[in-house]
């Protein structure tokens, strides 16, 4: 059986030191038979880089910029370059605090999509307080936009439904569905080589709804991919643990 070559890549810095061991333990025990690991360290110094090297993991150094999202985007783009230069068929783009199930690679490859992720959850402020929601987003329809605008008018920089997005709902992620989305879960996203080969599709900062620098590094990637005709998906069967640092 043919097993495409997969790079499991993750940007990191010393702030994620609290979960390094559990992350490495999991990605070293993935059940897929043909993958390599690459960490990209963007810490200011080399202490964390050397700590990772002691774990006998391939790690390369990335620059650190003033803006966090620019730093992370540059690191993810280094992962794409490494995957292309070294003959990988896929990049599994991870966050270090996202712990995937052991079978994530074969499950996502089996969906046969150009860009697809599993799911993980984060805490979001809602009208009823903090709520645990999927870190993946759907489009707002024009009808939904108009209803929301009547209930609570948007700020001036929100002009249309294209300027906002919403978290996926509990009903949408129920069961085992391949669900088309606006933005998948970036911290557990599988990207096919043909997407990476398009140099216009890269991670980076984006001026969205008049708020430069306020969006995640994946927003530009997803926007460019959609503009090039790629469709983005979430596989609701694959649910990852999202670790939170306890101070």
C-alpha atoms as a PDB file:
ATOM      1  CA  UNK A   1       0.000   0.000   0.000  1.00  0.00           C
ATOM      2  CA  UNK A   2       1.264   3.473  -0.902  1.00  0.00           C
ATOM      3  CA  UNK A   3       1.704   5.847   2.039  1.00  0.00           C
ATOM      4  CA  UNK A   4       2.316   9.485   0.992  1.00  0.00           C
ATOM      5  CA  UNK A   5       5.180  11.225   2.781  1.00  0.00           C
ATOM      6  CA  UNK A   6       3.960  13.574   5.526  1.00  0.00           C
ATOM      7  CA  UNK A   7       5.813  16.315   7.398  1.00  0.00           C
ATOM      8  CA  UNK A   8       4.456  16.895  10.899  1.00  0.00           C
ATOM      9  CA  UNK A   9       5.411  20.511  11.532  1.00  0.00           C
ATOM     10  CA  UNK A  10       4.935  22.843  14.472  1.00  0.00           C
ATOM     11  CA  UNK A  11       6.048  26.414  15.254  1.00  0.00           C
ATOM     12  CA  UNK A  12       7.084  26.870  18.859  1.00  0.00           C
ATOM     13  CA  UNK A  13       8.836  29.051  21.417  1.00  0.00           C
ATOM     14  CA  UNK A  14       9.828  28.835  25.098  1.00  0.00           C
ATOM     15  CA  UNK A  15       6.309  29.717  26.240  1.00  0.00           C
ATOM     16  CA  UNK A  16       5.212  26.242  25.177  1.00  0.00           C
ATOM     17  CA  UNK A  17       7.846  24.509  27.279  1.00  0.00           C
ATOM     18  CA  UNK A  18       5.168  23.351  29.714  1.00  0.00           C
ATOM     19  CA  UNK A  19       3.731  20.945  27.145  1.00  0.00           C
ATOM     20  CA  UNK A  20       6.847  19.923  25.186  1.00  0.00           C
ATOM     21  CA  UNK A  21       7.089  16.421  26.633  1.00  0.00           C
ATOM     22  CA  UNK A  22       3.434  15.478  26.187  1.00  0.00           C
ATOM     23  CA  UNK A  23       3.429  16.920  22.656  1.00  0.00           C
ATOM     24  CA  UNK A  24       6.551  15.012  21.600  1.00  0.00           C
ATOM     25  CA  UNK A  25       5.287  11.819  23.186  1.00  0.00           C
ATOM     26  CA  UNK A  26       2.125  12.008  21.117  1.00  0.00           C
ATOM     27  CA  UNK A  27       3.580  12.978  17.743  1.00  0.00           C
ATOM     28  CA  UNK A  28       6.271  10.322  18.095  1.00  0.00           C
ATOM     29  CA  UNK A  29       3.550   7.708  18.585  1.00  0.00           C
ATOM     30  CA  UNK A  30       1.333   8.596  15.622  1.00  0.00           C
ATOM     31  CA  UNK A  31       0.160   5.426  13.902  1.00  0.00           C
ATOM     32  CA  UNK A  32       0.853   6.568  10.323  1.00  0.00           C
ATOM     33  CA  UNK A  33       3.909   4.722   8.901  1.00  0.00           C
ATOM     34  CA  UNK A  34       5.556   7.440   6.766  1.00  0.00           C
ATOM     35  CA  UNK A  35       6.103  10.797   8.486  1.00  0.00           C
ATOM     36  CA  UNK A  36       8.888  13.027   9.778  1.00  0.00           C
ATOM     37  CA  UNK A  37       8.835  15.725  12.452  1.00  0.00           C
ATOM     38  CA  UNK A  38       9.982  19.343  12.233  1.00  0.00           C
ATOM     39  CA  UNK A  39       9.774  21.970  14.959  1.00  0.00           C
ATOM     40  CA  UNK A  40      10.470  25.633  14.159  1.00  0.00           C
ATOM     41  CA  UNK A  41      11.648  27.570  17.204  1.00  0.00           C
ATOM     42  CA  UNK A  42      11.108  31.325  17.169  1.00  0.00           C
ATOM     43  CA  UNK A  43      12.229  32.043  20.742  1.00  0.00           C
ATOM     44  CA  UNK A  44      14.417  35.104  21.265  1.00  0.00           C
ATOM     45  CA  UNK A  45      17.408  33.091  22.482  1.00  0.00           C
ATOM     46  CA  UNK A  46      18.660  29.550  21.928  1.00  0.00           C
ATOM     47  CA  UNK A  47      17.875  27.968  25.306  1.00  0.00           C
ATOM     48  CA  UNK A  48      14.618  26.418  24.135  1.00  0.00           C
ATOM     49  CA  UNK A  49      16.189  25.408  20.818  1.00  0.00           C
ATOM     50  CA  UNK A  50      18.869  23.501  22.716  1.00  0.00           C
ATOM     51  CA  UNK A  51      16.266  21.930  24.989  1.00  0.00           C
ATOM     52  CA  UNK A  52      14.442  20.592  21.932  1.00  0.00           C
ATOM     53  CA  UNK A  53      17.680  19.335  20.408  1.00  0.00           C
ATOM     54  CA  UNK A  54      18.324  17.357  23.583  1.00  0.00           C
ATOM     55  CA  UNK A  55      15.075  15.508  22.837  1.00  0.00           C
ATOM     56  CA  UNK A  56      16.581  14.367  19.507  1.00  0.00           C
ATOM     57  CA  UNK A  57      13.968  16.162  17.433  1.00  0.00           C
ATOM     58  CA  UNK A  58      14.688  17.987  14.181  1.00  0.00           C
ATOM     59  CA  UNK A  59      14.385  21.707  14.926  1.00  0.00           C
ATOM     60  CA  UNK A  60      15.311  24.814  12.955  1.00  0.00           C
ATOM     61  CA  UNK A  61      15.534  28.425  14.065  1.00  0.00           C
ATOM     62  CA  UNK A  62      13.153  31.155  12.904  1.00  0.00           C
ATOM     63  CA  UNK A  63      13.308  34.932  13.461  1.00  0.00           C
ATOM     64  CA  UNK A  64      11.098  36.633  16.006  1.00  0.00           C
ATOM     65  CA  UNK A  65       9.216  39.783  15.002  1.00  0.00           C
ATOM     66  CA  UNK A  66       7.481  42.440  17.072  1.00  0.00           C
ATOM     67  CA  UNK A  67       4.045  41.164  16.055  1.00  0.00           C
ATOM     68  CA  UNK A  68       3.213  37.644  17.307  1.00  0.00           C
ATOM     69  CA  UNK A  69       1.169  36.642  14.264  1.00  0.00           C
ATOM     70  CA  UNK A  70       3.953  37.696  11.918  1.00  0.00           C
ATOM     71  CA  UNK A  71       6.382  35.544  13.884  1.00  0.00           C
ATOM     72  CA  UNK A  72       4.148  32.470  13.786  1.00  0.00           C
ATOM     73  CA  UNK A  73       3.272  32.981  10.111  1.00  0.00           C
ATOM     74  CA  UNK A  74       6.951  33.158   9.142  1.00  0.00           C
ATOM     75  CA  UNK A  75       7.603  29.928  11.055  1.00  0.00           C
ATOM     76  CA  UNK A  76       4.714  28.131   9.336  1.00  0.00           C
ATOM     77  CA  UNK A  77       5.952  29.307   5.947  1.00  0.00           C
ATOM     78  CA  UNK A  78       9.372  27.868   6.792  1.00  0.00           C
ATOM     79  CA  UNK A  79       7.618  24.545   7.377  1.00  0.00           C
ATOM     80  CA  UNK A  80       6.003  24.784   3.926  1.00  0.00           C
ATOM     81  CA  UNK A  81       9.372  25.511   2.313  1.00  0.00           C
ATOM     82  CA  UNK A  82      10.946  22.559   4.115  1.00  0.00           C
ATOM     83  CA  UNK A  83       8.141  20.243   2.989  1.00  0.00           C
ATOM     84  CA  UNK A  84       8.509  21.341  -0.636  1.00  0.00           C
ATOM     85  CA  UNK A  85      12.318  21.163  -0.637  1.00  0.00           C
ATOM     86  CA  UNK A  86      12.342  17.671   0.859  1.00  0.00           C
ATOM     87  CA  UNK A  87       9.717  15.909  -1.221  1.00  0.00           C
ATOM     88  CA  UNK A  88       6.821  15.720   1.229  1.00  0.00           C
ATOM     89  CA  UNK A  89       3.321  15.117  -0.120  1.00  0.00           C
ATOM     90  CA  UNK A  90       1.530  16.678   2.851  1.00  0.00           C
ATOM     91  CA  UNK A  91       2.164  19.029   5.758  1.00  0.00           C
ATOM     92  CA  UNK A  92       0.346  18.341   9.012  1.00  0.00           C
ATOM     93  CA  UNK A  93       0.382  21.831  10.496  1.00  0.00           C
ATOM     94  CA  UNK A  94       0.134  21.605  14.307  1.00  0.00           C
ATOM     95  CA  UNK A  95       0.178  23.884  17.332  1.00  0.00           C
ATOM     96  CA  UNK A  96       2.254  22.587  20.226  1.00  0.00           C
ATOM     97  CA  UNK A  97      -0.630  22.830  22.683  1.00  0.00           C
ATOM     98  CA  UNK A  98      -2.883  20.747  20.407  1.00  0.00           C
ATOM     99  CA  UNK A  99      -2.563  17.022  21.081  1.00  0.00           C
ATOM    100  CA  UNK A 100      -3.999  15.043  18.149  1.00  0.00           C
ATOM    101  CA  UNK A 101      -5.318  11.484  18.198  1.00  0.00           C
ATOM    102  CA  UNK A 102      -2.718   8.938  17.081  1.00  0.00           C
ATOM    103  CA  UNK A 103      -4.547   8.189  13.839  1.00  0.00           C
ATOM    104  CA  UNK A 104      -4.975  11.795  12.691  1.00  0.00           C
ATOM    105  CA  UNK A 105      -2.802  11.523   9.568  1.00  0.00           C
ATOM    106  CA  UNK A 106      -4.440   8.494   7.975  1.00  0.00           C
ATOM    107  CA  UNK A 107      -7.896   9.740   8.890  1.00  0.00           C
ATOM    108  CA  UNK A 108      -7.350  13.159   7.298  1.00  0.00           C
ATOM    109  CA  UNK A 109      -5.574  11.748   4.230  1.00  0.00           C
ATOM    110  CA  UNK A 110      -8.496   9.351   3.797  1.00  0.00           C
ATOM    111  CA  UNK A 111     -10.845  12.321   3.367  1.00  0.00           C
ATOM    112  CA  UNK A 112      -8.966  13.175   0.129  1.00  0.00           C
ATOM    113  CA  UNK A 113      -9.200  16.966   0.483  1.00  0.00           C
ATOM    114  CA  UNK A 114      -6.618  19.604  -0.380  1.00  0.00           C
ATOM    115  CA  UNK A 115      -7.006  21.349   2.994  1.00  0.00           C
ATOM    116  CA  UNK A 116      -8.692  19.660   5.934  1.00  0.00           C
ATOM    117  CA  UNK A 117      -8.372  19.743   9.711  1.00  0.00           C
ATOM    118  CA  UNK A 118      -9.565  17.975  12.781  1.00  0.00           C
ATOM    119  CA  UNK A 119     -11.136  19.950  15.616  1.00  0.00           C
ATOM    120  CA  UNK A 120     -10.081  21.397  18.927  1.00  0.00           C
ATOM    121  CA  UNK A 121     -11.835  23.789  21.268  1.00  0.00           C
ATOM    122  CA  UNK A 122     -11.133  27.096  22.978  1.00  0.00           C
ATOM    123  CA  UNK A 123     -12.842  29.404  25.438  1.00  0.00           C
ATOM    124  CA  UNK A 124     -14.695  32.357  23.899  1.00  0.00           C
ATOM    125  CA  UNK A 125     -16.515  35.281  25.465  1.00  0.00           C
ATOM    126  CA  UNK A 126     -20.234  35.132  24.713  1.00  0.00           C
ATOM    127  CA  UNK A 127     -23.280  37.043  25.922  1.00  0.00           C
ATOM    128  CA  UNK A 128     -23.727  34.363  28.604  1.00  0.00           C
ATOM    129  CA  UNK A 129     -20.082  34.248  29.683  1.00  0.00           C
ATOM    130  CA  UNK A 130     -17.158  32.038  28.677  1.00  0.00           C
ATOM    131  CA  UNK A 131     -18.093  29.112  26.449  1.00  0.00           C
ATOM    132  CA  UNK A 132     -16.076  26.244  25.008  1.00  0.00           C
ATOM    133  CA  UNK A 133     -16.403  26.401  21.213  1.00  0.00           C
ATOM    134  CA  UNK A 134     -14.675  24.844  18.185  1.00  0.00           C
ATOM    135  CA  UNK A 135     -11.656  26.782  16.940  1.00  0.00           C
ATOM    136  CA  UNK A 136     -13.028  26.574  13.393  1.00  0.00           C
ATOM    137  CA  UNK A 137     -15.291  28.990  11.603  1.00  0.00           C
ATOM    138  CA  UNK A 138     -18.179  29.142   9.156  1.00  0.00           C
ATOM    139  CA  UNK A 139     -19.356  31.981   6.951  1.00  0.00           C
ATOM    140  CA  UNK A 140     -22.097  34.318   8.076  1.00  0.00           C
ATOM    141  CA  UNK A 141     -24.908  34.412   5.546  1.00  0.00           C
ATOM    142  CA  UNK A 142     -26.402  37.702   4.414  1.00  0.00           C
ATOM    143  CA  UNK A 143     -29.642  36.779   6.167  1.00  0.00           C
ATOM    144  CA  UNK A 144     -27.810  36.058   9.426  1.00  0.00           C
ATOM    145  CA  UNK A 145     -25.862  39.299   9.063  1.00  0.00           C
ATOM    146  CA  UNK A 146     -29.025  41.356   8.681  1.00  0.00           C
ATOM    147  CA  UNK A 147     -30.690  39.703  11.695  1.00  0.00           C
ATOM    148  CA  UNK A 148     -27.630  40.261  13.872  1.00  0.00           C
ATOM    149  CA  UNK A 149     -27.338  43.867  12.709  1.00  0.00           C
ATOM    150  CA  UNK A 150     -30.907  44.562  13.811  1.00  0.00           C
ATOM    151  CA  UNK A 151     -30.343  43.069  17.264  1.00  0.00           C
ATOM    152  CA  UNK A 152     -26.973  44.689  17.919  1.00  0.00           C
ATOM    153  CA  UNK A 153     -25.476  46.971  15.257  1.00  0.00           C
ATOM    154  CA  UNK A 154     -21.916  46.157  14.202  1.00  0.00           C
ATOM    155  CA  UNK A 155     -19.109  48.727  14.477  1.00  0.00           C
ATOM    156  CA  UNK A 156     -18.510  50.887  11.371  1.00  0.00           C
ATOM    157  CA  UNK A 157     -15.646  48.763  10.022  1.00  0.00           C
ATOM    158  CA  UNK A 158     -17.990  45.762   9.584  1.00  0.00           C
ATOM    159  CA  UNK A 159     -19.602  46.414   6.206  1.00  0.00           C
ATOM    160  CA  UNK A 160     -20.994  43.013   5.198  1.00  0.00           C
ATOM    161  CA  UNK A 161     -21.149  39.323   6.027  1.00  0.00           C
ATOM    162  CA  UNK A 162     -17.695  38.939   4.438  1.00  0.00           C
ATOM    163  CA  UNK A 163     -16.186  40.883   7.338  1.00  0.00           C
ATOM    164  CA  UNK A 164     -17.222  38.466  10.088  1.00  0.00           C
ATOM    165  CA  UNK A 165     -17.286  34.759  10.799  1.00  0.00           C
ATOM    166  CA  UNK A 166     -18.754  32.489  13.460  1.00  0.00           C
ATOM    167  CA  UNK A 167     -17.640  29.424  15.372  1.00  0.00           C
ATOM    168  CA  UNK A 168     -19.075  26.111  14.293  1.00  0.00           C
ATOM    169  CA  UNK A 169     -22.045  24.968  16.372  1.00  0.00           C
ATOM    170  CA  UNK A 170     -22.501  21.818  18.440  1.00  0.00           C
ATOM    171  CA  UNK A 171     -25.030  20.531  15.909  1.00  0.00           C
ATOM    172  CA  UNK A 172     -22.635  21.079  13.005  1.00  0.00           C
ATOM    173  CA  UNK A 173     -19.782  19.112  14.587  1.00  0.00           C
ATOM    174  CA  UNK A 174     -21.903  16.213  15.812  1.00  0.00           C
ATOM    175  CA  UNK A 175     -20.986  12.797  14.435  1.00  0.00           C
ATOM    176  CA  UNK A 176     -18.415  12.089  11.724  1.00  0.00           C
ATOM    177  CA  UNK A 177     -18.871  14.688   9.006  1.00  0.00           C
ATOM    178  CA  UNK A 178     -16.613  16.253   6.409  1.00  0.00           C
ATOM    179  CA  UNK A 179     -17.812  19.824   6.756  1.00  0.00           C
ATOM    180  CA  UNK A 180     -16.870  22.669   4.410  1.00  0.00           C
ATOM    181  CA  UNK A 181     -15.844  25.746   6.399  1.00  0.00           C
ATOM    182  CA  UNK A 182     -14.416  29.207   5.980  1.00  0.00           C
ATOM    183  CA  UNK A 183     -11.483  28.561   8.342  1.00  0.00           C
ATOM    184  CA  UNK A 184     -10.489  25.083   9.614  1.00  0.00           C
ATOM    185  CA  UNK A 185      -8.784  24.375  12.941  1.00  0.00           C
ATOM    186  CA  UNK A 186      -5.343  25.724  12.061  1.00  0.00           C
ATOM    187  CA  UNK A 187      -3.529  23.862  14.844  1.00  0.00           C
ATOM    188  CA  UNK A 188      -4.324  20.438  13.352  1.00  0.00           C
ATOM    189  CA  UNK A 189      -4.603  21.112   9.618  1.00  0.00           C
ATOM    190  CA  UNK A 190      -3.424  18.824   6.814  1.00  0.00           C
ATOM    191  CA  UNK A 191      -2.283  20.612   3.648  1.00  0.00           C
ATOM    192  CA  UNK A 192      -1.686  18.811   0.356  1.00  0.00           C
ATOM    193  CA  UNK A 193       1.445  19.517  -1.690  1.00  0.00           C
ATOM    194  CA  UNK A 194      -0.444  21.068  -4.619  1.00  0.00           C
ATOM    195  CA  UNK A 195      -1.665  23.809  -2.264  1.00  0.00           C
ATOM    196  CA  UNK A 196       1.830  24.475  -0.925  1.00  0.00           C
ATOM    197  CA  UNK A 197       3.236  24.704  -4.451  1.00  0.00           C
ATOM    198  CA  UNK A 198       1.169  27.848  -5.048  1.00  0.00           C
ATOM    199  CA  UNK A 199       3.462  30.523  -3.638  1.00  0.00           C
ATOM    200  CA  UNK A 200       0.601  33.003  -3.304  1.00  0.00           C
ATOM    201  CA  UNK A 201      -0.944  30.795  -0.592  1.00  0.00           C
ATOM    202  CA  UNK A 202       1.041  31.485   2.530  1.00  0.00           C
ATOM    203  CA  UNK A 203       0.451  32.375   6.177  1.00  0.00           C
ATOM    204  CA  UNK A 204       0.655  36.015   7.173  1.00  0.00           C
ATOM    205  CA  UNK A 205      -0.919  39.116   8.620  1.00  0.00           C
ATOM    206  CA  UNK A 206      -4.122  40.409   7.102  1.00  0.00           C
ATOM    207  CA  UNK A 207      -6.049  43.651   7.356  1.00  0.00           C
ATOM    208  CA  UNK A 208      -9.505  42.238   7.929  1.00  0.00           C
ATOM    209  CA  UNK A 209     -12.455  44.523   8.657  1.00  0.00           C
ATOM    210  CA  UNK A 210     -10.168  47.479   9.215  1.00  0.00           C
ATOM    211  CA  UNK A 211      -8.230  45.840  12.039  1.00  0.00           C
ATOM    212  CA  UNK A 212      -4.637  45.261  10.851  1.00  0.00           C
ATOM    213  CA  UNK A 213      -2.730  42.688  12.838  1.00  0.00           C
ATOM    214  CA  UNK A 214      -5.729  41.496  14.824  1.00  0.00           C
ATOM    215  CA  UNK A 215      -6.445  38.264  12.954  1.00  0.00           C
ATOM    216  CA  UNK A 216      -4.750  34.886  13.348  1.00  0.00           C
ATOM    217  CA  UNK A 217      -1.925  33.946  10.988  1.00  0.00           C
ATOM    218  CA  UNK A 218      -4.159  31.377   9.260  1.00  0.00           C
ATOM    219  CA  UNK A 219      -6.681  33.934   7.980  1.00  0.00           C
ATOM    220  CA  UNK A 220      -4.508  35.073   5.087  1.00  0.00           C
ATOM    221  CA  UNK A 221      -3.683  31.464   4.181  1.00  0.00           C
ATOM    222  CA  UNK A 222      -7.363  30.523   4.082  1.00  0.00           C
ATOM    223  CA  UNK A 223      -8.351  33.673   2.195  1.00  0.00           C
ATOM    224  CA  UNK A 224      -5.717  33.110  -0.485  1.00  0.00           C
ATOM    225  CA  UNK A 225      -6.602  29.422  -0.775  1.00  0.00           C
ATOM    226  CA  UNK A 226     -10.278  30.228  -1.317  1.00  0.00           C
ATOM    227  CA  UNK A 227      -9.367  32.866  -3.919  1.00  0.00           C
ATOM    228  CA  UNK A 228      -7.381  30.214  -5.807  1.00  0.00           C
ATOM    229  CA  UNK A 229     -10.394  27.900  -5.869  1.00  0.00           C
ATOM    230  CA  UNK A 230      -9.466  25.553  -3.026  1.00  0.00           C
ATOM    231  CA  UNK A 231     -12.170  24.443  -0.623  1.00  0.00           C
ATOM    232  CA  UNK A 232     -11.483  24.050   3.078  1.00  0.00           C
ATOM    233  CA  UNK A 233     -12.883  21.370   5.368  1.00  0.00           C
ATOM    234  CA  UNK A 234     -13.087  20.063   8.904  1.00  0.00           C
ATOM    235  CA  UNK A 235     -13.451  16.359   9.686  1.00  0.00           C
ATOM    236  CA  UNK A 236     -15.580  16.312  12.806  1.00  0.00           C
ATOM    237  CA  UNK A 237     -14.519  12.769  13.742  1.00  0.00           C
ATOM    238  CA  UNK A 238     -11.018  13.994  14.648  1.00  0.00           C
ATOM    239  CA  UNK A 239     -11.135  15.846  17.954  1.00  0.00           C
ATOM    240  CA  UNK A 240      -7.893  16.949  19.594  1.00  0.00           C
ATOM    241  CA  UNK A 241      -7.041  17.870  23.150  1.00  0.00           C
ATOM    242  CA  UNK A 242      -6.222  21.568  23.587  1.00  0.00           C
ATOM    243  CA  UNK A 243      -3.853  22.120  26.503  1.00  0.00           C
ATOM    244  CA  UNK A 244      -4.068  25.295  28.536  1.00  0.00           C
ATOM    245  CA  UNK A 245      -1.140  26.514  30.608  1.00  0.00           C
ATOM    246  CA  UNK A 246      -1.954  26.626  34.301  1.00  0.00           C
ATOM    247  CA  UNK A 247      -0.109  29.468  36.022  1.00  0.00           C
END
